[in-house]
């Protein structure tokens, strides 16, 4: 979830979920 936190807050993108888990 932290992968999706940016300057504008939390913005989930299902297309980037795999990338988010690799980042984690």
PDBML (XML) file of the C-alpha atoms, coordinates in Angstrom:
<?xml version="1.0" encoding="UTF-8" ?>
<PDBx:datablock datablockName="MODEL"
   xmlns:PDBx="http://pdbml.pdb.org/schema/pdbx-v50.xsd"
   xmlns:xsi="http://www.w3.org/2001/XMLSchema-instance"
   xsi:schemaLocation="http://pdbml.pdb.org/schema/pdbx-v50.xsd pdbx-v50.xsd">
   <PDBx:atom_siteCategory>
      <PDBx:atom_site id="1">
         <PDBx:B_iso_or_equiv>0.00</PDBx:B_iso_or_equiv>
         <PDBx:Cartn_x>0.000</PDBx:Cartn_x>
         <PDBx:Cartn_y>0.000</PDBx:Cartn_y>
         <PDBx:Cartn_z>0.000</PDBx:Cartn_z>
         <PDBx:auth_asym_id>A</PDBx:auth_asym_id>
         <PDBx:auth_atom_id>CA</PDBx:auth_atom_id>
         <PDBx:auth_comp_id>UNK</PDBx:auth_comp_id>
         <PDBx:auth_seq_id>1</PDBx:auth_seq_id>
         <PDBx:group_PDB>ATOM</PDBx:group_PDB>
         <PDBx:label_alt_id xsi:nil="true" />
         <PDBx:label_asym_id>A</PDBx:label_asym_id>
         <PDBx:label_atom_id>CA</PDBx:label_atom_id>
         <PDBx:label_comp_id>UNK</PDBx:label_comp_id>
         <PDBx:label_entity_id>1</PDBx:label_entity_id>
         <PDBx:label_seq_id>1</PDBx:label_seq_id>
         <PDBx:occupancy>1.00</PDBx:occupancy>
         <PDBx:pdbx_PDB_model_num>1</PDBx:pdbx_PDB_model_num>
         <PDBx:type_symbol>C</PDBx:type_symbol>
      </PDBx:atom_site>
      <PDBx:atom_site id="2">
         <PDBx:B_iso_or_equiv>0.00</PDBx:B_iso_or_equiv>
         <PDBx:Cartn_x>2.863</PDBx:Cartn_x>
         <PDBx:Cartn_y>2.391</PDBx:Cartn_y>
         <PDBx:Cartn_z>0.735</PDBx:Cartn_z>
         <PDBx:auth_asym_id>A</PDBx:auth_asym_id>
         <PDBx:auth_atom_id>CA</PDBx:auth_atom_id>
         <PDBx:auth_comp_id>UNK</PDBx:auth_comp_id>
         <PDBx:auth_seq_id>2</PDBx:auth_seq_id>
         <PDBx:group_PDB>ATOM</PDBx:group_PDB>
         <PDBx:label_alt_id xsi:nil="true" />
         <PDBx:label_asym_id>A</PDBx:label_asym_id>
         <PDBx:label_atom_id>CA</PDBx:label_atom_id>
         <PDBx:label_comp_id>UNK</PDBx:label_comp_id>
         <PDBx:label_entity_id>1</PDBx:label_entity_id>
         <PDBx:label_seq_id>2</PDBx:label_seq_id>
         <PDBx:occupancy>1.00</PDBx:occupancy>
         <PDBx:pdbx_PDB_model_num>1</PDBx:pdbx_PDB_model_num>
         <PDBx:type_symbol>C</PDBx:type_symbol>
      </PDBx:atom_site>
      <PDBx:atom_site id="3">
         <PDBx:B_iso_or_equiv>0.00</PDBx:B_iso_or_equiv>
         <PDBx:Cartn_x>3.828</PDBx:Cartn_x>
         <PDBx:Cartn_y>2.175</PDBx:Cartn_y>
         <PDBx:Cartn_z>-2.946</PDBx:Cartn_z>
         <PDBx:auth_asym_id>A</PDBx:auth_asym_id>
         <PDBx:auth_atom_id>CA</PDBx:auth_atom_id>
         <PDBx:auth_comp_id>UNK</PDBx:auth_comp_id>
         <PDBx:auth_seq_id>3</PDBx:auth_seq_id>
         <PDBx:group_PDB>ATOM</PDBx:group_PDB>
         <PDBx:label_alt_id xsi:nil="true" />
         <PDBx:label_asym_id>A</PDBx:label_asym_id>
         <PDBx:label_atom_id>CA</PDBx:label_atom_id>
         <PDBx:label_comp_id>UNK</PDBx:label_comp_id>
         <PDBx:label_entity_id>1</PDBx:label_entity_id>
         <PDBx:label_seq_id>3</PDBx:label_seq_id>
         <PDBx:occupancy>1.00</PDBx:occupancy>
         <PDBx:pdbx_PDB_model_num>1</PDBx:pdbx_PDB_model_num>
         <PDBx:type_symbol>C</PDBx:type_symbol>
      </PDBx:atom_site>
      <PDBx:atom_site id="4">
         <PDBx:B_iso_or_equiv>0.00</PDBx:B_iso_or_equiv>
         <PDBx:Cartn_x>0.604</PDBx:Cartn_x>
         <PDBx:Cartn_y>4.010</PDBx:Cartn_y>
         <PDBx:Cartn_z>-3.810</PDBx:Cartn_z>
         <PDBx:auth_asym_id>A</PDBx:auth_asym_id>
         <PDBx:auth_atom_id>CA</PDBx:auth_atom_id>
         <PDBx:auth_comp_id>UNK</PDBx:auth_comp_id>
         <PDBx:auth_seq_id>4</PDBx:auth_seq_id>
         <PDBx:group_PDB>ATOM</PDBx:group_PDB>
         <PDBx:label_alt_id xsi:nil="true" />
         <PDBx:label_asym_id>A</PDBx:label_asym_id>
         <PDBx:label_atom_id>CA</PDBx:label_atom_id>
         <PDBx:label_comp_id>UNK</PDBx:label_comp_id>
         <PDBx:label_entity_id>1</PDBx:label_entity_id>
         <PDBx:label_seq_id>4</PDBx:label_seq_id>
         <PDBx:occupancy>1.00</PDBx:occupancy>
         <PDBx:pdbx_PDB_model_num>1</PDBx:pdbx_PDB_model_num>
         <PDBx:type_symbol>C</PDBx:type_symbol>
      </PDBx:atom_site>
      <PDBx:atom_site id="5">
         <PDBx:B_iso_or_equiv>0.00</PDBx:B_iso_or_equiv>
         <PDBx:Cartn_x>1.190</PDBx:Cartn_x>
         <PDBx:Cartn_y>6.938</PDBx:Cartn_y>
         <PDBx:Cartn_z>-1.447</PDBx:Cartn_z>
         <PDBx:auth_asym_id>A</PDBx:auth_asym_id>
         <PDBx:auth_atom_id>CA</PDBx:auth_atom_id>
         <PDBx:auth_comp_id>UNK</PDBx:auth_comp_id>
         <PDBx:auth_seq_id>5</PDBx:auth_seq_id>
         <PDBx:group_PDB>ATOM</PDBx:group_PDB>
         <PDBx:label_alt_id xsi:nil="true" />
         <PDBx:label_asym_id>A</PDBx:label_asym_id>
         <PDBx:label_atom_id>CA</PDBx:label_atom_id>
         <PDBx:label_comp_id>UNK</PDBx:label_comp_id>
         <PDBx:label_entity_id>1</PDBx:label_entity_id>
         <PDBx:label_seq_id>5</PDBx:label_seq_id>
         <PDBx:occupancy>1.00</PDBx:occupancy>
         <PDBx:pdbx_PDB_model_num>1</PDBx:pdbx_PDB_model_num>
         <PDBx:type_symbol>C</PDBx:type_symbol>
      </PDBx:atom_site>
      <PDBx:atom_site id="6">
         <PDBx:B_iso_or_equiv>0.00</PDBx:B_iso_or_equiv>
         <PDBx:Cartn_x>2.381</PDBx:Cartn_x>
         <PDBx:Cartn_y>10.063</PDBx:Cartn_y>
         <PDBx:Cartn_z>-3.213</PDBx:Cartn_z>
         <PDBx:auth_asym_id>A</PDBx:auth_asym_id>
         <PDBx:auth_atom_id>CA</PDBx:auth_atom_id>
         <PDBx:auth_comp_id>UNK</PDBx:auth_comp_id>
         <PDBx:auth_seq_id>6</PDBx:auth_seq_id>
         <PDBx:group_PDB>ATOM</PDBx:group_PDB>
         <PDBx:label_alt_id xsi:nil="true" />
         <PDBx:label_asym_id>A</PDBx:label_asym_id>
         <PDBx:label_atom_id>CA</PDBx:label_atom_id>
         <PDBx:label_comp_id>UNK</PDBx:label_comp_id>
         <PDBx:label_entity_id>1</PDBx:label_entity_id>
         <PDBx:label_seq_id>6</PDBx:label_seq_id>
         <PDBx:occupancy>1.00</PDBx:occupancy>
         <PDBx:pdbx_PDB_model_num>1</PDBx:pdbx_PDB_model_num>
         <PDBx:type_symbol>C</PDBx:type_symbol>
      </PDBx:atom_site>
      <PDBx:atom_site id="7">
         <PDBx:B_iso_or_equiv>0.00</PDBx:B_iso_or_equiv>
         <PDBx:Cartn_x>2.274</PDBx:Cartn_x>
         <PDBx:Cartn_y>13.831</PDBx:Cartn_y>
         <PDBx:Cartn_z>-2.820</PDBx:Cartn_z>
         <PDBx:auth_asym_id>A</PDBx:auth_asym_id>
         <PDBx:auth_atom_id>CA</PDBx:auth_atom_id>
         <PDBx:auth_comp_id>UNK</PDBx:auth_comp_id>
         <PDBx:auth_seq_id>7</PDBx:auth_seq_id>
         <PDBx:group_PDB>ATOM</PDBx:group_PDB>
         <PDBx:label_alt_id xsi:nil="true" />
         <PDBx:label_asym_id>A</PDBx:label_asym_id>
         <PDBx:label_atom_id>CA</PDBx:label_atom_id>
         <PDBx:label_comp_id>UNK</PDBx:label_comp_id>
         <PDBx:label_entity_id>1</PDBx:label_entity_id>
         <PDBx:label_seq_id>7</PDBx:label_seq_id>
         <PDBx:occupancy>1.00</PDBx:occupancy>
         <PDBx:pdbx_PDB_model_num>1</PDBx:pdbx_PDB_model_num>
         <PDBx:type_symbol>C</PDBx:type_symbol>
      </PDBx:atom_site>
      <PDBx:atom_site id="8">
         <PDBx:B_iso_or_equiv>0.00</PDBx:B_iso_or_equiv>
         <PDBx:Cartn_x>-1.501</PDBx:Cartn_x>
         <PDBx:Cartn_y>13.796</PDBx:Cartn_y>
         <PDBx:Cartn_z>-3.306</PDBx:Cartn_z>
         <PDBx:auth_asym_id>A</PDBx:auth_asym_id>
         <PDBx:auth_atom_id>CA</PDBx:auth_atom_id>
         <PDBx:auth_comp_id>UNK</PDBx:auth_comp_id>
         <PDBx:auth_seq_id>8</PDBx:auth_seq_id>
         <PDBx:group_PDB>ATOM</PDBx:group_PDB>
         <PDBx:label_alt_id xsi:nil="true" />
         <PDBx:label_asym_id>A</PDBx:label_asym_id>
         <PDBx:label_atom_id>CA</PDBx:label_atom_id>
         <PDBx:label_comp_id>UNK</PDBx:label_comp_id>
         <PDBx:label_entity_id>1</PDBx:label_entity_id>
         <PDBx:label_seq_id>8</PDBx:label_seq_id>
         <PDBx:occupancy>1.00</PDBx:occupancy>
         <PDBx:pdbx_PDB_model_num>1</PDBx:pdbx_PDB_model_num>
         <PDBx:type_symbol>C</PDBx:type_symbol>
      </PDBx:atom_site>
      <PDBx:atom_site id="9">
         <PDBx:B_iso_or_equiv>0.00</PDBx:B_iso_or_equiv>
         <PDBx:Cartn_x>-2.111</PDBx:Cartn_x>
         <PDBx:Cartn_y>10.977</PDBx:Cartn_y>
         <PDBx:Cartn_z>-0.825</PDBx:Cartn_z>
         <PDBx:auth_asym_id>A</PDBx:auth_asym_id>
         <PDBx:auth_atom_id>CA</PDBx:auth_atom_id>
         <PDBx:auth_comp_id>UNK</PDBx:auth_comp_id>
         <PDBx:auth_seq_id>9</PDBx:auth_seq_id>
         <PDBx:group_PDB>ATOM</PDBx:group_PDB>
         <PDBx:label_alt_id xsi:nil="true" />
         <PDBx:label_asym_id>A</PDBx:label_asym_id>
         <PDBx:label_atom_id>CA</PDBx:label_atom_id>
         <PDBx:label_comp_id>UNK</PDBx:label_comp_id>
         <PDBx:label_entity_id>1</PDBx:label_entity_id>
         <PDBx:label_seq_id>9</PDBx:label_seq_id>
         <PDBx:occupancy>1.00</PDBx:occupancy>
         <PDBx:pdbx_PDB_model_num>1</PDBx:pdbx_PDB_model_num>
         <PDBx:type_symbol>C</PDBx:type_symbol>
      </PDBx:atom_site>
      <PDBx:atom_site id="10">
         <PDBx:B_iso_or_equiv>0.00</PDBx:B_iso_or_equiv>
         <PDBx:Cartn_x>-3.130</PDBx:Cartn_x>
         <PDBx:Cartn_y>7.380</PDBx:Cartn_y>
         <PDBx:Cartn_z>-1.458</PDBx:Cartn_z>
         <PDBx:auth_asym_id>A</PDBx:auth_asym_id>
         <PDBx:auth_atom_id>CA</PDBx:auth_atom_id>
         <PDBx:auth_comp_id>UNK</PDBx:auth_comp_id>
         <PDBx:auth_seq_id>10</PDBx:auth_seq_id>
         <PDBx:group_PDB>ATOM</PDBx:group_PDB>
         <PDBx:label_alt_id xsi:nil="true" />
         <PDBx:label_asym_id>A</PDBx:label_asym_id>
         <PDBx:label_atom_id>CA</PDBx:label_atom_id>
         <PDBx:label_comp_id>UNK</PDBx:label_comp_id>
         <PDBx:label_entity_id>1</PDBx:label_entity_id>
         <PDBx:label_seq_id>10</PDBx:label_seq_id>
         <PDBx:occupancy>1.00</PDBx:occupancy>
         <PDBx:pdbx_PDB_model_num>1</PDBx:pdbx_PDB_model_num>
         <PDBx:type_symbol>C</PDBx:type_symbol>
      </PDBx:atom_site>
      <PDBx:atom_site id="11">
         <PDBx:B_iso_or_equiv>0.00</PDBx:B_iso_or_equiv>
         <PDBx:Cartn_x>-4.016</PDBx:Cartn_x>
         <PDBx:Cartn_y>6.550</PDBx:Cartn_y>
         <PDBx:Cartn_z>-5.057</PDBx:Cartn_z>
         <PDBx:auth_asym_id>A</PDBx:auth_asym_id>
         <PDBx:auth_atom_id>CA</PDBx:auth_atom_id>
         <PDBx:auth_comp_id>UNK</PDBx:auth_comp_id>
         <PDBx:auth_seq_id>11</PDBx:auth_seq_id>
         <PDBx:group_PDB>ATOM</PDBx:group_PDB>
         <PDBx:label_alt_id xsi:nil="true" />
         <PDBx:label_asym_id>A</PDBx:label_asym_id>
         <PDBx:label_atom_id>CA</PDBx:label_atom_id>
         <PDBx:label_comp_id>UNK</PDBx:label_comp_id>
         <PDBx:label_entity_id>1</PDBx:label_entity_id>
         <PDBx:label_seq_id>11</PDBx:label_seq_id>
         <PDBx:occupancy>1.00</PDBx:occupancy>
         <PDBx:pdbx_PDB_model_num>1</PDBx:pdbx_PDB_model_num>
         <PDBx:type_symbol>C</PDBx:type_symbol>
      </PDBx:atom_site>
      <PDBx:atom_site id="12">
         <PDBx:B_iso_or_equiv>0.00</PDBx:B_iso_or_equiv>
         <PDBx:Cartn_x>-4.480</PDBx:Cartn_x>
         <PDBx:Cartn_y>2.833</PDBx:Cartn_y>
         <PDBx:Cartn_z>-5.750</PDBx:Cartn_z>
         <PDBx:auth_asym_id>A</PDBx:auth_asym_id>
         <PDBx:auth_atom_id>CA</PDBx:auth_atom_id>
         <PDBx:auth_comp_id>UNK</PDBx:auth_comp_id>
         <PDBx:auth_seq_id>12</PDBx:auth_seq_id>
         <PDBx:group_PDB>ATOM</PDBx:group_PDB>
         <PDBx:label_alt_id xsi:nil="true" />
         <PDBx:label_asym_id>A</PDBx:label_asym_id>
         <PDBx:label_atom_id>CA</PDBx:label_atom_id>
         <PDBx:label_comp_id>UNK</PDBx:label_comp_id>
         <PDBx:label_entity_id>1</PDBx:label_entity_id>
         <PDBx:label_seq_id>12</PDBx:label_seq_id>
         <PDBx:occupancy>1.00</PDBx:occupancy>
         <PDBx:pdbx_PDB_model_num>1</PDBx:pdbx_PDB_model_num>
         <PDBx:type_symbol>C</PDBx:type_symbol>
      </PDBx:atom_site>
      <PDBx:atom_site id="13">
         <PDBx:B_iso_or_equiv>0.00</PDBx:B_iso_or_equiv>
         <PDBx:Cartn_x>-3.888</PDBx:Cartn_x>
         <PDBx:Cartn_y>1.566</PDBx:Cartn_y>
         <PDBx:Cartn_z>-9.308</PDBx:Cartn_z>
         <PDBx:auth_asym_id>A</PDBx:auth_asym_id>
         <PDBx:auth_atom_id>CA</PDBx:auth_atom_id>
         <PDBx:auth_comp_id>UNK</PDBx:auth_comp_id>
         <PDBx:auth_seq_id>13</PDBx:auth_seq_id>
         <PDBx:group_PDB>ATOM</PDBx:group_PDB>
         <PDBx:label_alt_id xsi:nil="true" />
         <PDBx:label_asym_id>A</PDBx:label_asym_id>
         <PDBx:label_atom_id>CA</PDBx:label_atom_id>
         <PDBx:label_comp_id>UNK</PDBx:label_comp_id>
         <PDBx:label_entity_id>1</PDBx:label_entity_id>
         <PDBx:label_seq_id>13</PDBx:label_seq_id>
         <PDBx:occupancy>1.00</PDBx:occupancy>
         <PDBx:pdbx_PDB_model_num>1</PDBx:pdbx_PDB_model_num>
         <PDBx:type_symbol>C</PDBx:type_symbol>
      </PDBx:atom_site>
      <PDBx:atom_site id="14">
         <PDBx:B_iso_or_equiv>0.00</PDBx:B_iso_or_equiv>
         <PDBx:Cartn_x>-4.705</PDBx:Cartn_x>
         <PDBx:Cartn_y>-2.108</PDBx:Cartn_y>
         <PDBx:Cartn_z>-9.912</PDBx:Cartn_z>
         <PDBx:auth_asym_id>A</PDBx:auth_asym_id>
         <PDBx:auth_atom_id>CA</PDBx:auth_atom_id>
         <PDBx:auth_comp_id>UNK</PDBx:auth_comp_id>
         <PDBx:auth_seq_id>14</PDBx:auth_seq_id>
         <PDBx:group_PDB>ATOM</PDBx:group_PDB>
         <PDBx:label_alt_id xsi:nil="true" />
         <PDBx:label_asym_id>A</PDBx:label_asym_id>
         <PDBx:label_atom_id>CA</PDBx:label_atom_id>
         <PDBx:label_comp_id>UNK</PDBx:label_comp_id>
         <PDBx:label_entity_id>1</PDBx:label_entity_id>
         <PDBx:label_seq_id>14</PDBx:label_seq_id>
         <PDBx:occupancy>1.00</PDBx:occupancy>
         <PDBx:pdbx_PDB_model_num>1</PDBx:pdbx_PDB_model_num>
         <PDBx:type_symbol>C</PDBx:type_symbol>
      </PDBx:atom_site>
      <PDBx:atom_site id="15">
         <PDBx:B_iso_or_equiv>0.00</PDBx:B_iso_or_equiv>
         <PDBx:Cartn_x>-2.434</PDBx:Cartn_x>
         <PDBx:Cartn_y>-2.051</PDBx:Cartn_y>
         <PDBx:Cartn_z>-12.981</PDBx:Cartn_z>
         <PDBx:auth_asym_id>A</PDBx:auth_asym_id>
         <PDBx:auth_atom_id>CA</PDBx:auth_atom_id>
         <PDBx:auth_comp_id>UNK</PDBx:auth_comp_id>
         <PDBx:auth_seq_id>15</PDBx:auth_seq_id>
         <PDBx:group_PDB>ATOM</PDBx:group_PDB>
         <PDBx:label_alt_id xsi:nil="true" />
         <PDBx:label_asym_id>A</PDBx:label_asym_id>
         <PDBx:label_atom_id>CA</PDBx:label_atom_id>
         <PDBx:label_comp_id>UNK</PDBx:label_comp_id>
         <PDBx:label_entity_id>1</PDBx:label_entity_id>
         <PDBx:label_seq_id>15</PDBx:label_seq_id>
         <PDBx:occupancy>1.00</PDBx:occupancy>
         <PDBx:pdbx_PDB_model_num>1</PDBx:pdbx_PDB_model_num>
         <PDBx:type_symbol>C</PDBx:type_symbol>
      </PDBx:atom_site>
      <PDBx:atom_site id="16">
         <PDBx:B_iso_or_equiv>0.00</PDBx:B_iso_or_equiv>
         <PDBx:Cartn_x>0.562</PDBx:Cartn_x>
         <PDBx:Cartn_y>-1.438</PDBx:Cartn_y>
         <PDBx:Cartn_z>-10.691</PDBx:Cartn_z>
         <PDBx:auth_asym_id>A</PDBx:auth_asym_id>
         <PDBx:auth_atom_id>CA</PDBx:auth_atom_id>
         <PDBx:auth_comp_id>UNK</PDBx:auth_comp_id>
         <PDBx:auth_seq_id>16</PDBx:auth_seq_id>
         <PDBx:group_PDB>ATOM</PDBx:group_PDB>
         <PDBx:label_alt_id xsi:nil="true" />
         <PDBx:label_asym_id>A</PDBx:label_asym_id>
         <PDBx:label_atom_id>CA</PDBx:label_atom_id>
         <PDBx:label_comp_id>UNK</PDBx:label_comp_id>
         <PDBx:label_entity_id>1</PDBx:label_entity_id>
         <PDBx:label_seq_id>16</PDBx:label_seq_id>
         <PDBx:occupancy>1.00</PDBx:occupancy>
         <PDBx:pdbx_PDB_model_num>1</PDBx:pdbx_PDB_model_num>
         <PDBx:type_symbol>C</PDBx:type_symbol>
      </PDBx:atom_site>
      <PDBx:atom_site id="17">
         <PDBx:B_iso_or_equiv>0.00</PDBx:B_iso_or_equiv>
         <PDBx:Cartn_x>-0.263</PDBx:Cartn_x>
         <PDBx:Cartn_y>-3.988</PDBx:Cartn_y>
         <PDBx:Cartn_z>-7.990</PDBx:Cartn_z>
         <PDBx:auth_asym_id>A</PDBx:auth_asym_id>
         <PDBx:auth_atom_id>CA</PDBx:auth_atom_id>
         <PDBx:auth_comp_id>UNK</PDBx:auth_comp_id>
         <PDBx:auth_seq_id>17</PDBx:auth_seq_id>
         <PDBx:group_PDB>ATOM</PDBx:group_PDB>
         <PDBx:label_alt_id xsi:nil="true" />
         <PDBx:label_asym_id>A</PDBx:label_asym_id>
         <PDBx:label_atom_id>CA</PDBx:label_atom_id>
         <PDBx:label_comp_id>UNK</PDBx:label_comp_id>
         <PDBx:label_entity_id>1</PDBx:label_entity_id>
         <PDBx:label_seq_id>17</PDBx:label_seq_id>
         <PDBx:occupancy>1.00</PDBx:occupancy>
         <PDBx:pdbx_PDB_model_num>1</PDBx:pdbx_PDB_model_num>
         <PDBx:type_symbol>C</PDBx:type_symbol>
      </PDBx:atom_site>
      <PDBx:atom_site id="18">
         <PDBx:B_iso_or_equiv>0.00</PDBx:B_iso_or_equiv>
         <PDBx:Cartn_x>2.417</PDBx:Cartn_x>
         <PDBx:Cartn_y>-6.467</PDBx:Cartn_y>
         <PDBx:Cartn_z>-9.109</PDBx:Cartn_z>
         <PDBx:auth_asym_id>A</PDBx:auth_asym_id>
         <PDBx:auth_atom_id>CA</PDBx:auth_atom_id>
         <PDBx:auth_comp_id>UNK</PDBx:auth_comp_id>
         <PDBx:auth_seq_id>18</PDBx:auth_seq_id>
         <PDBx:group_PDB>ATOM</PDBx:group_PDB>
         <PDBx:label_alt_id xsi:nil="true" />
         <PDBx:label_asym_id>A</PDBx:label_asym_id>
         <PDBx:label_atom_id>CA</PDBx:label_atom_id>
         <PDBx:label_comp_id>UNK</PDBx:label_comp_id>
         <PDBx:label_entity_id>1</PDBx:label_entity_id>
         <PDBx:label_seq_id>18</PDBx:label_seq_id>
         <PDBx:occupancy>1.00</PDBx:occupancy>
         <PDBx:pdbx_PDB_model_num>1</PDBx:pdbx_PDB_model_num>
         <PDBx:type_symbol>C</PDBx:type_symbol>
      </PDBx:atom_site>
      <PDBx:atom_site id="19">
         <PDBx:B_iso_or_equiv>0.00</PDBx:B_iso_or_equiv>
         <PDBx:Cartn_x>4.997</PDBx:Cartn_x>
         <PDBx:Cartn_y>-3.685</PDBx:Cartn_y>
         <PDBx:Cartn_z>-9.154</PDBx:Cartn_z>
         <PDBx:auth_asym_id>A</PDBx:auth_asym_id>
         <PDBx:auth_atom_id>CA</PDBx:auth_atom_id>
         <PDBx:auth_comp_id>UNK</PDBx:auth_comp_id>
         <PDBx:auth_seq_id>19</PDBx:auth_seq_id>
         <PDBx:group_PDB>ATOM</PDBx:group_PDB>
         <PDBx:label_alt_id xsi:nil="true" />
         <PDBx:label_asym_id>A</PDBx:label_asym_id>
         <PDBx:label_atom_id>CA</PDBx:label_atom_id>
         <PDBx:label_comp_id>UNK</PDBx:label_comp_id>
         <PDBx:label_entity_id>1</PDBx:label_entity_id>
         <PDBx:label_seq_id>19</PDBx:label_seq_id>
         <PDBx:occupancy>1.00</PDBx:occupancy>
         <PDBx:pdbx_PDB_model_num>1</PDBx:pdbx_PDB_model_num>
         <PDBx:type_symbol>C</PDBx:type_symbol>
      </PDBx:atom_site>
      <PDBx:atom_site id="20">
         <PDBx:B_iso_or_equiv>0.00</PDBx:B_iso_or_equiv>
         <PDBx:Cartn_x>3.866</PDBx:Cartn_x>
         <PDBx:Cartn_y>-2.618</PDBx:Cartn_y>
         <PDBx:Cartn_z>-5.676</PDBx:Cartn_z>
         <PDBx:auth_asym_id>A</PDBx:auth_asym_id>
         <PDBx:auth_atom_id>CA</PDBx:auth_atom_id>
         <PDBx:auth_comp_id>UNK</PDBx:auth_comp_id>
         <PDBx:auth_seq_id>20</PDBx:auth_seq_id>
         <PDBx:group_PDB>ATOM</PDBx:group_PDB>
         <PDBx:label_alt_id xsi:nil="true" />
         <PDBx:label_asym_id>A</PDBx:label_asym_id>
         <PDBx:label_atom_id>CA</PDBx:label_atom_id>
         <PDBx:label_comp_id>UNK</PDBx:label_comp_id>
         <PDBx:label_entity_id>1</PDBx:label_entity_id>
         <PDBx:label_seq_id>20</PDBx:label_seq_id>
         <PDBx:occupancy>1.00</PDBx:occupancy>
         <PDBx:pdbx_PDB_model_num>1</PDBx:pdbx_PDB_model_num>
         <PDBx:type_symbol>C</PDBx:type_symbol>
      </PDBx:atom_site>
      <PDBx:atom_site id="21">
         <PDBx:B_iso_or_equiv>0.00</PDBx:B_iso_or_equiv>
         <PDBx:Cartn_x>4.407</PDBx:Cartn_x>
         <PDBx:Cartn_y>-6.108</PDBx:Cartn_y>
         <PDBx:Cartn_z>-4.270</PDBx:Cartn_z>
         <PDBx:auth_asym_id>A</PDBx:auth_asym_id>
         <PDBx:auth_atom_id>CA</PDBx:auth_atom_id>
         <PDBx:auth_comp_id>UNK</PDBx:auth_comp_id>
         <PDBx:auth_seq_id>21</PDBx:auth_seq_id>
         <PDBx:group_PDB>ATOM</PDBx:group_PDB>
         <PDBx:label_alt_id xsi:nil="true" />
         <PDBx:label_asym_id>A</PDBx:label_asym_id>
         <PDBx:label_atom_id>CA</PDBx:label_atom_id>
         <PDBx:label_comp_id>UNK</PDBx:label_comp_id>
         <PDBx:label_entity_id>1</PDBx:label_entity_id>
         <PDBx:label_seq_id>21</PDBx:label_seq_id>
         <PDBx:occupancy>1.00</PDBx:occupancy>
         <PDBx:pdbx_PDB_model_num>1</PDBx:pdbx_PDB_model_num>
         <PDBx:type_symbol>C</PDBx:type_symbol>
      </PDBx:atom_site>
      <PDBx:atom_site id="22">
         <PDBx:B_iso_or_equiv>0.00</PDBx:B_iso_or_equiv>
         <PDBx:Cartn_x>7.878</PDBx:Cartn_x>
         <PDBx:Cartn_y>-6.337</PDBx:Cartn_y>
         <PDBx:Cartn_z>-5.841</PDBx:Cartn_z>
         <PDBx:auth_asym_id>A</PDBx:auth_asym_id>
         <PDBx:auth_atom_id>CA</PDBx:auth_atom_id>
         <PDBx:auth_comp_id>UNK</PDBx:auth_comp_id>
         <PDBx:auth_seq_id>22</PDBx:auth_seq_id>
         <PDBx:group_PDB>ATOM</PDBx:group_PDB>
         <PDBx:label_alt_id xsi:nil="true" />
         <PDBx:label_asym_id>A</PDBx:label_asym_id>
         <PDBx:label_atom_id>CA</PDBx:label_atom_id>
         <PDBx:label_comp_id>UNK</PDBx:label_comp_id>
         <PDBx:label_entity_id>1</PDBx:label_entity_id>
         <PDBx:label_seq_id>22</PDBx:label_seq_id>
         <PDBx:occupancy>1.00</PDBx:occupancy>
         <PDBx:pdbx_PDB_model_num>1</PDBx:pdbx_PDB_model_num>
         <PDBx:type_symbol>C</PDBx:type_symbol>
      </PDBx:atom_site>
      <PDBx:atom_site id="23">
         <PDBx:B_iso_or_equiv>0.00</PDBx:B_iso_or_equiv>
         <PDBx:Cartn_x>8.701</PDBx:Cartn_x>
         <PDBx:Cartn_y>-2.928</PDBx:Cartn_y>
         <PDBx:Cartn_z>-4.329</PDBx:Cartn_z>
         <PDBx:auth_asym_id>A</PDBx:auth_asym_id>
         <PDBx:auth_atom_id>CA</PDBx:auth_atom_id>
         <PDBx:auth_comp_id>UNK</PDBx:auth_comp_id>
         <PDBx:auth_seq_id>23</PDBx:auth_seq_id>
         <PDBx:group_PDB>ATOM</PDBx:group_PDB>
         <PDBx:label_alt_id xsi:nil="true" />
         <PDBx:label_asym_id>A</PDBx:label_asym_id>
         <PDBx:label_atom_id>CA</PDBx:label_atom_id>
         <PDBx:label_comp_id>UNK</PDBx:label_comp_id>
         <PDBx:label_entity_id>1</PDBx:label_entity_id>
         <PDBx:label_seq_id>23</PDBx:label_seq_id>
         <PDBx:occupancy>1.00</PDBx:occupancy>
         <PDBx:pdbx_PDB_model_num>1</PDBx:pdbx_PDB_model_num>
         <PDBx:type_symbol>C</PDBx:type_symbol>
      </PDBx:atom_site>
      <PDBx:atom_site id="24">
         <PDBx:B_iso_or_equiv>0.00</PDBx:B_iso_or_equiv>
         <PDBx:Cartn_x>7.513</PDBx:Cartn_x>
         <PDBx:Cartn_y>-4.136</PDBx:Cartn_y>
         <PDBx:Cartn_z>-0.922</PDBx:Cartn_z>
         <PDBx:auth_asym_id>A</PDBx:auth_asym_id>
         <PDBx:auth_atom_id>CA</PDBx:auth_atom_id>
         <PDBx:auth_comp_id>UNK</PDBx:auth_comp_id>
         <PDBx:auth_seq_id>24</PDBx:auth_seq_id>
         <PDBx:group_PDB>ATOM</PDBx:group_PDB>
         <PDBx:label_alt_id xsi:nil="true" />
         <PDBx:label_asym_id>A</PDBx:label_asym_id>
         <PDBx:label_atom_id>CA</PDBx:label_atom_id>
         <PDBx:label_comp_id>UNK</PDBx:label_comp_id>
         <PDBx:label_entity_id>1</PDBx:label_entity_id>
         <PDBx:label_seq_id>24</PDBx:label_seq_id>
         <PDBx:occupancy>1.00</PDBx:occupancy>
         <PDBx:pdbx_PDB_model_num>1</PDBx:pdbx_PDB_model_num>
         <PDBx:type_symbol>C</PDBx:type_symbol>
      </PDBx:atom_site>
   </PDBx:atom_siteCategory>
</PDBx:datablock>
